[in-house]
């Protein structure tokens, strides 16, 4: 599927796999994000600072001043919008691409759906902040290696780092 076509139009919506965040684990390449659906686990790496932000959101820890993801979420909410979902769409040359799907409805306009290109790390932070679901396009999901064994191995090492598994 051509990611530029988007997923807001029903006829263009790819099959999706709903995933949950299983763990955030520090690594030399940044922070490993493990997403899974109970049958399979995938991993990709993000900046450690965004990993810490996601970890904080998932544990109900706020920051003394609004972070960029807080500002974005608060602004969206002020305009009657919400984050509907994050969809990790495809990968090119080891770079993942995602779409953040927003919905808005207020006294000025009817229901509106907006789709934005975003980095998966930012999308995960915003989704964690808003409690929105995360999906992976089925075509991408099928291409990715199952990393369940790696996650189990890392969790069995009991590293008491700043990002415990969820």
N, C-alpha and C. Protein backbone atom coordinates (compact mmCIF):
# COMPACT_ATOMS: atom_id res chain seq x y z
N UNK A 1 0.84 -1.19 0.00
CA UNK A 1 0.00 0.00 0.00
C UNK A 1 0.87 1.24 0.00
N UNK A 2 0.52 2.21 -0.77
CA UNK A 2 1.22 3.48 -0.81
C UNK A 2 0.80 4.28 0.41
N UNK A 3 1.74 4.55 1.30
CA UNK A 3 1.42 5.26 2.54
C UNK A 3 0.90 6.66 2.28
N UNK A 4 1.26 7.25 1.18
CA UNK A 4 0.80 8.59 0.87
C UNK A 4 -0.72 8.63 0.65
N UNK A 5 -1.30 7.51 0.26
CA UNK A 5 -2.75 7.46 0.05
C UNK A 5 -3.49 7.55 1.37
N UNK A 6 -2.84 7.17 2.44
CA UNK A 6 -3.44 7.28 3.74
C UNK A 6 -4.38 6.16 4.10
N UNK A 7 -4.98 6.30 5.28
CA UNK A 7 -5.90 5.27 5.77
C UNK A 7 -7.21 5.86 6.26
N UNK A 8 -7.45 7.14 5.98
CA UNK A 8 -8.70 7.75 6.42
C UNK A 8 -9.89 7.31 5.59
N UNK A 9 -9.65 6.93 4.36
CA UNK A 9 -10.72 6.51 3.48
C UNK A 9 -10.94 5.01 3.62
N UNK A 10 -12.17 4.57 3.94
CA UNK A 10 -12.43 3.16 4.20
C UNK A 10 -11.94 2.21 3.11
N UNK A 11 -12.04 2.62 1.85
CA UNK A 11 -11.61 1.73 0.77
C UNK A 11 -10.09 1.56 0.73
N UNK A 12 -9.37 2.41 1.44
CA UNK A 12 -7.91 2.34 1.45
C UNK A 12 -7.34 1.79 2.76
N UNK A 13 -8.20 1.46 3.70
CA UNK A 13 -7.73 1.00 5.00
C UNK A 13 -7.12 -0.39 4.87
N UNK A 14 -5.85 -0.51 5.28
CA UNK A 14 -5.23 -1.84 5.24
C UNK A 14 -5.73 -2.68 6.41
N UNK A 15 -5.52 -3.99 6.32
CA UNK A 15 -5.81 -4.83 7.47
C UNK A 15 -4.84 -4.44 8.58
N UNK A 16 -5.34 -4.42 9.81
CA UNK A 16 -4.53 -3.97 10.94
C UNK A 16 -4.42 -5.05 12.01
N UNK A 17 -3.30 -5.04 12.71
CA UNK A 17 -3.07 -5.92 13.86
C UNK A 17 -2.97 -5.03 15.08
N UNK A 18 -3.87 -5.23 16.05
CA UNK A 18 -3.82 -4.43 17.27
C UNK A 18 -2.69 -4.96 18.15
N UNK A 19 -1.86 -4.06 18.65
CA UNK A 19 -0.72 -4.45 19.48
C UNK A 19 -0.75 -3.67 20.79
N UNK A 20 -0.02 -4.19 21.75
CA UNK A 20 0.17 -3.49 23.02
C UNK A 20 1.67 -3.34 23.26
N UNK A 21 2.00 -2.36 24.04
CA UNK A 21 3.39 -2.16 24.42
C UNK A 21 3.74 -3.18 25.49
N UNK A 22 4.68 -4.05 25.17
CA UNK A 22 5.08 -5.11 26.10
C UNK A 22 6.25 -4.70 26.97
N UNK A 23 7.18 -3.92 26.41
CA UNK A 23 8.35 -3.51 27.18
C UNK A 23 9.08 -2.37 26.49
N UNK A 24 9.73 -1.58 27.32
CA UNK A 24 10.69 -0.57 26.87
C UNK A 24 12.01 -0.96 27.53
N UNK A 25 13.01 -1.29 26.74
CA UNK A 25 14.25 -1.80 27.31
C UNK A 25 15.43 -1.01 26.75
N UNK A 26 16.25 -0.40 27.62
CA UNK A 26 17.42 0.34 27.14
C UNK A 26 18.36 -0.58 26.37
N UNK A 27 18.94 -0.03 25.32
CA UNK A 27 19.89 -0.78 24.49
C UNK A 27 20.93 0.19 23.96
N UNK A 28 22.00 -0.34 23.37
CA UNK A 28 23.03 0.52 22.81
C UNK A 28 22.49 1.39 21.69
N UNK A 29 21.51 0.89 20.97
CA UNK A 29 20.94 1.63 19.84
C UNK A 29 19.86 2.62 20.28
N UNK A 30 19.61 2.75 21.56
CA UNK A 30 18.57 3.65 22.05
C UNK A 30 17.72 2.92 23.06
N UNK A 31 16.43 2.92 22.81
CA UNK A 31 15.48 2.22 23.69
C UNK A 31 14.68 1.26 22.82
N UNK A 32 14.72 -0.03 23.15
CA UNK A 32 13.97 -1.02 22.41
C UNK A 32 12.50 -0.97 22.79
N UNK A 33 11.64 -0.83 21.81
CA UNK A 33 10.19 -0.83 22.00
C UNK A 33 9.69 -2.18 21.52
N UNK A 34 9.12 -2.95 22.43
CA UNK A 34 8.59 -4.27 22.09
C UNK A 34 7.07 -4.17 22.05
N UNK A 35 6.50 -4.43 20.89
CA UNK A 35 5.06 -4.43 20.70
C UNK A 35 4.62 -5.84 20.35
N UNK A 36 3.47 -6.26 20.86
CA UNK A 36 3.01 -7.60 20.55
C UNK A 36 1.51 -7.73 20.59
N UNK A 37 1.05 -8.89 20.09
CA UNK A 37 -0.39 -9.16 20.07
C UNK A 37 -0.74 -10.48 20.76
N UNK A 38 0.19 -11.08 21.49
CA UNK A 38 -0.04 -12.36 22.14
C UNK A 38 0.50 -13.53 21.36
N UNK A 39 0.62 -13.37 20.03
CA UNK A 39 1.15 -14.43 19.18
C UNK A 39 2.55 -14.11 18.67
N UNK A 40 2.85 -12.82 18.59
CA UNK A 40 4.11 -12.39 18.00
C UNK A 40 4.53 -11.09 18.67
N UNK A 41 5.84 -10.85 18.70
CA UNK A 41 6.40 -9.63 19.26
C UNK A 41 7.35 -9.03 18.23
N UNK A 42 7.25 -7.71 18.05
CA UNK A 42 8.19 -7.02 17.17
C UNK A 42 8.96 -6.01 18.02
N UNK A 43 10.08 -5.55 17.48
CA UNK A 43 10.89 -4.56 18.19
C UNK A 43 11.43 -3.53 17.21
N UNK A 44 11.51 -2.29 17.67
CA UNK A 44 12.25 -1.26 16.95
C UNK A 44 12.82 -0.33 18.01
N UNK A 45 13.72 0.53 17.59
CA UNK A 45 14.45 1.34 18.55
C UNK A 45 14.11 2.82 18.39
N UNK A 46 14.03 3.49 19.55
CA UNK A 46 13.71 4.92 19.58
C UNK A 46 14.73 5.63 20.46
N UNK A 47 14.67 6.93 20.45
CA UNK A 47 15.53 7.75 21.28
C UNK A 47 15.23 7.48 22.76
N UNK A 48 16.26 7.36 23.60
CA UNK A 48 16.03 7.08 25.03
C UNK A 48 15.15 8.12 25.73
N UNK A 49 15.24 9.38 25.33
CA UNK A 49 14.43 10.42 25.97
C UNK A 49 12.94 10.19 25.71
N UNK A 50 12.59 9.80 24.49
CA UNK A 50 11.18 9.52 24.18
C UNK A 50 10.75 8.24 24.90
N UNK A 51 11.66 7.27 25.00
CA UNK A 51 11.36 6.07 25.78
C UNK A 51 11.02 6.42 27.22
N UNK A 52 11.78 7.33 27.81
CA UNK A 52 11.51 7.77 29.19
C UNK A 52 10.17 8.48 29.29
N UNK A 53 9.84 9.28 28.27
CA UNK A 53 8.55 9.97 28.25
C UNK A 53 7.40 8.98 28.19
N UNK A 54 7.50 8.01 27.30
CA UNK A 54 6.45 6.98 27.19
C UNK A 54 6.31 6.23 28.50
N UNK A 55 7.44 5.85 29.09
CA UNK A 55 7.43 5.15 30.37
C UNK A 55 6.70 5.97 31.43
N UNK A 56 6.99 7.26 31.46
CA UNK A 56 6.33 8.13 32.44
C UNK A 56 4.83 8.19 32.24
N UNK A 57 4.39 8.33 30.98
CA UNK A 57 2.96 8.37 30.71
C UNK A 57 2.28 7.08 31.14
N UNK A 58 2.89 5.96 30.83
CA UNK A 58 2.28 4.67 31.16
C UNK A 58 2.21 4.42 32.66
N UNK A 59 3.07 5.09 33.42
CA UNK A 59 3.08 4.94 34.87
C UNK A 59 2.42 6.10 35.58
N UNK A 60 1.72 6.95 34.83
CA UNK A 60 0.99 8.06 35.43
C UNK A 60 1.86 9.15 36.01
N UNK A 61 3.10 9.21 35.57
CA UNK A 61 4.02 10.23 36.07
C UNK A 61 3.99 11.42 35.13
N UNK A 62 3.70 12.56 35.67
CA UNK A 62 3.72 13.77 34.86
C UNK A 62 5.05 14.48 35.00
N UNK A 63 5.23 15.48 34.19
CA UNK A 63 6.44 16.29 34.29
C UNK A 63 6.05 17.63 34.91
N UNK A 64 6.98 18.31 35.57
CA UNK A 64 6.63 19.57 36.22
C UNK A 64 6.16 20.63 35.23
N UNK A 65 6.63 20.56 34.00
CA UNK A 65 6.22 21.46 32.93
C UNK A 65 5.77 20.62 31.75
N UNK A 66 4.82 21.10 30.95
CA UNK A 66 4.34 20.30 29.82
C UNK A 66 5.45 20.00 28.82
N UNK A 67 5.51 18.73 28.42
CA UNK A 67 6.41 18.32 27.35
C UNK A 67 5.69 18.55 26.02
N UNK A 68 6.38 18.42 24.93
CA UNK A 68 5.79 18.64 23.62
C UNK A 68 4.56 17.76 23.40
N UNK A 69 4.64 16.50 23.84
CA UNK A 69 3.50 15.59 23.66
C UNK A 69 2.32 16.02 24.51
N UNK A 70 2.59 16.58 25.68
CA UNK A 70 1.52 17.12 26.53
C UNK A 70 0.85 18.31 25.85
N UNK A 71 1.67 19.22 25.34
CA UNK A 71 1.16 20.41 24.68
C UNK A 71 0.29 20.02 23.48
N UNK A 72 0.77 19.08 22.68
CA UNK A 72 0.02 18.62 21.52
C UNK A 72 -1.33 18.03 21.95
N UNK A 73 -1.31 17.16 22.93
CA UNK A 73 -2.54 16.51 23.40
C UNK A 73 -3.51 17.52 24.00
N UNK A 74 -3.01 18.45 24.78
CA UNK A 74 -3.87 19.46 25.40
C UNK A 74 -4.49 20.38 24.35
N UNK A 75 -3.70 20.75 23.34
CA UNK A 75 -4.21 21.61 22.27
C UNK A 75 -5.29 20.89 21.48
N UNK A 76 -5.03 19.65 21.15
CA UNK A 76 -6.01 18.86 20.42
C UNK A 76 -7.32 18.77 21.20
N UNK A 77 -7.22 18.50 22.48
CA UNK A 77 -8.41 18.39 23.33
C UNK A 77 -9.15 19.73 23.42
N UNK A 78 -8.41 20.83 23.49
CA UNK A 78 -9.04 22.15 23.58
C UNK A 78 -9.88 22.46 22.35
N UNK A 79 -9.53 21.87 21.21
CA UNK A 79 -10.28 22.08 19.98
C UNK A 79 -11.31 20.98 19.72
N UNK A 80 -11.60 20.19 20.74
CA UNK A 80 -12.61 19.16 20.60
C UNK A 80 -12.13 17.91 19.90
N UNK A 81 -10.83 17.71 19.85
CA UNK A 81 -10.28 16.55 19.16
C UNK A 81 -9.74 15.51 20.11
N UNK A 82 -9.46 14.35 19.55
CA UNK A 82 -8.86 13.27 20.32
C UNK A 82 -8.04 12.40 19.37
N UNK A 83 -7.10 11.67 19.95
CA UNK A 83 -6.32 10.73 19.17
C UNK A 83 -7.11 9.43 19.09
N UNK A 84 -7.49 9.06 17.89
CA UNK A 84 -8.27 7.84 17.68
C UNK A 84 -7.39 6.60 17.75
N UNK A 85 -6.22 6.67 17.06
CA UNK A 85 -5.32 5.51 17.03
C UNK A 85 -4.01 5.89 16.34
N UNK A 86 -3.02 5.06 16.56
CA UNK A 86 -1.75 5.14 15.87
C UNK A 86 -1.64 3.89 15.01
N UNK A 87 -1.21 4.06 13.76
CA UNK A 87 -1.01 2.92 12.87
C UNK A 87 0.42 2.98 12.35
N UNK A 88 1.20 1.96 12.66
CA UNK A 88 2.55 1.84 12.10
C UNK A 88 2.36 1.19 10.74
N UNK A 89 2.68 1.94 9.68
CA UNK A 89 2.27 1.58 8.33
C UNK A 89 3.27 0.71 7.56
N UNK A 90 4.51 1.16 7.52
CA UNK A 90 5.50 0.45 6.71
C UNK A 90 6.90 0.81 7.16
N UNK A 91 7.87 0.15 6.55
CA UNK A 91 9.27 0.38 6.87
C UNK A 91 10.05 0.49 5.56
N UNK A 92 10.94 1.45 5.51
CA UNK A 92 11.84 1.61 4.37
C UNK A 92 13.24 1.82 4.91
N UNK A 93 14.18 0.97 4.49
CA UNK A 93 15.58 1.09 4.90
C UNK A 93 15.71 1.21 6.42
N UNK A 94 15.04 0.33 7.15
CA UNK A 94 15.07 0.27 8.61
C UNK A 94 14.44 1.48 9.30
N UNK A 95 13.68 2.28 8.59
CA UNK A 95 12.97 3.42 9.18
C UNK A 95 11.48 3.10 9.12
N UNK A 96 10.81 3.17 10.27
CA UNK A 96 9.38 2.91 10.34
C UNK A 96 8.60 4.21 10.11
N UNK A 97 7.43 4.07 9.47
CA UNK A 97 6.54 5.19 9.19
C UNK A 97 5.18 4.90 9.81
N UNK A 98 4.61 5.93 10.41
CA UNK A 98 3.33 5.75 11.09
C UNK A 98 2.37 6.88 10.73
N UNK A 99 1.11 6.65 11.02
CA UNK A 99 0.06 7.64 10.82
C UNK A 99 -0.71 7.77 12.13
N UNK A 100 -0.91 9.01 12.55
CA UNK A 100 -1.70 9.30 13.74
C UNK A 100 -3.08 9.74 13.26
N UNK A 101 -4.10 9.03 13.71
CA UNK A 101 -5.47 9.32 13.27
C UNK A 101 -6.17 10.10 14.38
N UNK A 102 -6.64 11.28 14.02
CA UNK A 102 -7.31 12.18 14.95
C UNK A 102 -8.78 12.31 14.58
N UNK A 103 -9.62 12.50 15.58
CA UNK A 103 -11.03 12.77 15.35
C UNK A 103 -11.39 14.02 16.11
N UNK A 104 -12.20 14.85 15.49
CA UNK A 104 -12.65 16.08 16.14
C UNK A 104 -14.13 16.28 15.87
N UNK A 105 -14.80 16.78 16.88
CA UNK A 105 -16.21 17.12 16.74
C UNK A 105 -16.48 18.20 17.78
N UNK A 106 -16.96 19.33 17.30
CA UNK A 106 -17.28 20.41 18.22
C UNK A 106 -18.47 21.20 17.69
N UNK A 107 -18.80 22.30 18.36
CA UNK A 107 -19.99 23.06 18.00
C UNK A 107 -19.86 23.79 16.67
N UNK A 108 -18.66 23.92 16.15
CA UNK A 108 -18.45 24.65 14.89
C UNK A 108 -18.49 23.72 13.68
N UNK A 109 -17.96 22.52 13.85
CA UNK A 109 -17.90 21.63 12.69
C UNK A 109 -18.48 20.27 13.02
N UNK A 110 -18.84 19.55 11.98
CA UNK A 110 -19.29 18.18 12.18
C UNK A 110 -18.07 17.31 12.48
N UNK A 111 -18.30 16.05 12.65
CA UNK A 111 -17.21 15.12 12.92
C UNK A 111 -16.20 15.15 11.78
N UNK A 112 -14.94 15.23 12.15
CA UNK A 112 -13.88 15.29 11.16
C UNK A 112 -12.79 14.31 11.57
N UNK A 113 -12.24 13.60 10.58
CA UNK A 113 -11.13 12.68 10.81
C UNK A 113 -9.92 13.23 10.06
N UNK A 114 -8.82 13.33 10.78
CA UNK A 114 -7.59 13.85 10.21
C UNK A 114 -6.49 12.81 10.41
N UNK A 115 -5.69 12.64 9.38
CA UNK A 115 -4.61 11.66 9.41
C UNK A 115 -3.29 12.41 9.22
N UNK A 116 -2.35 12.18 10.15
CA UNK A 116 -1.07 12.86 10.10
C UNK A 116 0.08 11.87 10.02
N UNK A 117 1.07 12.19 9.22
CA UNK A 117 2.30 11.42 9.18
C UNK A 117 3.06 11.70 10.48
N UNK A 118 3.61 10.67 11.09
CA UNK A 118 4.38 10.90 12.32
C UNK A 118 5.43 9.81 12.50
N UNK A 119 6.42 10.12 13.30
CA UNK A 119 7.40 9.09 13.67
C UNK A 119 6.69 8.15 14.65
N UNK A 120 6.93 6.85 14.56
CA UNK A 120 6.30 5.93 15.50
C UNK A 120 6.60 6.28 16.96
N UNK A 121 7.80 6.78 17.25
CA UNK A 121 8.14 7.12 18.63
C UNK A 121 7.25 8.24 19.15
N UNK A 122 7.05 9.30 18.36
CA UNK A 122 6.17 10.38 18.78
C UNK A 122 4.73 9.90 18.88
N UNK A 123 4.33 9.08 17.90
CA UNK A 123 2.97 8.53 17.93
C UNK A 123 2.73 7.67 19.15
N UNK A 124 3.73 6.88 19.53
CA UNK A 124 3.59 6.06 20.75
C UNK A 124 3.50 6.93 21.99
N UNK A 125 4.30 7.99 22.04
CA UNK A 125 4.24 8.89 23.20
C UNK A 125 2.87 9.55 23.30
N UNK A 126 2.36 10.03 22.18
CA UNK A 126 1.05 10.68 22.19
C UNK A 126 -0.05 9.66 22.50
N UNK A 127 0.04 8.48 21.92
CA UNK A 127 -0.95 7.43 22.21
C UNK A 127 -0.92 7.03 23.67
N UNK A 128 0.28 6.91 24.24
CA UNK A 128 0.39 6.57 25.66
C UNK A 128 -0.20 7.69 26.52
N UNK A 129 0.05 8.92 26.14
CA UNK A 129 -0.47 10.08 26.88
C UNK A 129 -1.99 10.11 26.84
N UNK A 130 -2.58 9.73 25.68
CA UNK A 130 -4.02 9.81 25.48
C UNK A 130 -4.76 8.49 25.73
N UNK A 131 -4.02 7.41 25.92
CA UNK A 131 -4.66 6.11 26.11
C UNK A 131 -5.27 5.56 24.83
N UNK A 132 -4.69 5.88 23.69
CA UNK A 132 -5.22 5.45 22.39
C UNK A 132 -4.60 4.13 21.95
N UNK A 133 -5.33 3.33 21.18
CA UNK A 133 -4.80 2.05 20.71
C UNK A 133 -3.73 2.21 19.64
N UNK A 134 -2.91 1.17 19.51
CA UNK A 134 -1.83 1.15 18.54
C UNK A 134 -2.02 -0.07 17.64
N UNK A 135 -1.81 0.13 16.35
CA UNK A 135 -1.96 -0.94 15.36
C UNK A 135 -0.72 -0.98 14.46
N UNK A 136 -0.52 -2.14 13.84
CA UNK A 136 0.51 -2.31 12.82
C UNK A 136 -0.20 -2.83 11.58
N UNK A 137 0.12 -2.25 10.43
CA UNK A 137 -0.46 -2.74 9.18
C UNK A 137 -0.09 -4.21 9.01
N UNK A 138 -1.06 -5.02 8.66
CA UNK A 138 -0.88 -6.48 8.56
C UNK A 138 0.26 -6.84 7.61
N UNK A 139 0.34 -6.15 6.50
CA UNK A 139 1.40 -6.45 5.52
C UNK A 139 2.78 -6.27 6.13
N UNK A 140 2.97 -5.21 6.91
CA UNK A 140 4.24 -4.98 7.61
C UNK A 140 4.44 -6.03 8.69
N UNK A 141 3.39 -6.29 9.46
CA UNK A 141 3.44 -7.25 10.56
C UNK A 141 3.96 -8.61 10.08
N UNK A 142 3.46 -9.04 8.94
CA UNK A 142 3.85 -10.33 8.38
C UNK A 142 5.32 -10.36 7.93
N UNK A 143 5.86 -9.23 7.58
CA UNK A 143 7.25 -9.15 7.12
C UNK A 143 8.26 -9.16 8.28
N UNK A 144 7.82 -8.75 9.46
CA UNK A 144 8.74 -8.59 10.58
C UNK A 144 8.97 -9.89 11.33
N UNK A 145 10.19 -10.06 11.78
CA UNK A 145 10.58 -11.26 12.53
C UNK A 145 9.96 -11.24 13.93
N UNK A 146 9.56 -12.40 14.40
CA UNK A 146 9.03 -12.56 15.75
C UNK A 146 10.19 -12.46 16.74
N UNK A 147 10.12 -11.50 17.63
CA UNK A 147 11.18 -11.26 18.60
C UNK A 147 10.78 -11.67 20.02
N UNK A 148 9.80 -12.56 20.14
CA UNK A 148 9.33 -13.01 21.46
C UNK A 148 10.45 -13.63 22.27
N UNK A 149 11.29 -14.44 21.63
CA UNK A 149 12.39 -15.11 22.35
C UNK A 149 13.39 -14.08 22.88
N UNK A 150 13.69 -13.06 22.10
CA UNK A 150 14.60 -12.02 22.56
C UNK A 150 14.03 -11.29 23.76
N UNK A 151 12.75 -10.96 23.70
CA UNK A 151 12.11 -10.27 24.84
C UNK A 151 12.17 -11.14 26.08
N UNK A 152 11.85 -12.41 25.95
CA UNK A 152 11.92 -13.32 27.10
C UNK A 152 13.33 -13.38 27.67
N UNK A 153 14.32 -13.45 26.79
CA UNK A 153 15.71 -13.50 27.23
C UNK A 153 16.09 -12.23 28.00
N UNK A 154 15.73 -11.09 27.46
CA UNK A 154 16.05 -9.82 28.13
C UNK A 154 15.32 -9.68 29.46
N UNK A 155 14.07 -10.11 29.51
CA UNK A 155 13.31 -10.03 30.75
C UNK A 155 13.86 -10.99 31.80
N UNK A 156 14.41 -12.12 31.38
CA UNK A 156 14.95 -13.08 32.35
C UNK A 156 16.26 -12.60 32.95
N UNK A 157 16.92 -11.65 32.32
CA UNK A 157 18.17 -11.11 32.86
C UNK A 157 17.92 -10.21 34.06
N UNK A 158 16.67 -9.83 34.28
CA UNK A 158 16.28 -9.02 35.43
C UNK A 158 17.14 -7.77 35.59
N UNK A 159 17.36 -7.08 34.50
CA UNK A 159 18.08 -5.82 34.56
C UNK A 159 17.14 -4.77 35.19
N UNK A 160 17.55 -4.19 36.29
CA UNK A 160 16.70 -3.23 36.98
C UNK A 160 16.91 -1.82 36.44
N UNK A 161 16.92 -1.70 35.12
CA UNK A 161 17.08 -0.41 34.46
C UNK A 161 15.85 0.45 34.62
N UNK A 162 15.89 1.64 34.02
CA UNK A 162 14.78 2.58 34.21
C UNK A 162 13.50 2.24 33.45
N UNK A 163 13.54 1.22 32.56
CA UNK A 163 12.37 0.89 31.76
C UNK A 163 11.94 -0.55 31.98
N UNK A 164 11.21 -0.84 33.03
CA UNK A 164 10.78 -2.22 33.25
C UNK A 164 9.74 -2.64 32.23
N UNK A 165 9.63 -3.95 31.98
CA UNK A 165 8.59 -4.45 31.07
C UNK A 165 7.20 -4.14 31.60
N UNK A 166 6.24 -4.09 30.70
CA UNK A 166 4.84 -3.82 31.08
C UNK A 166 4.05 -5.08 31.01
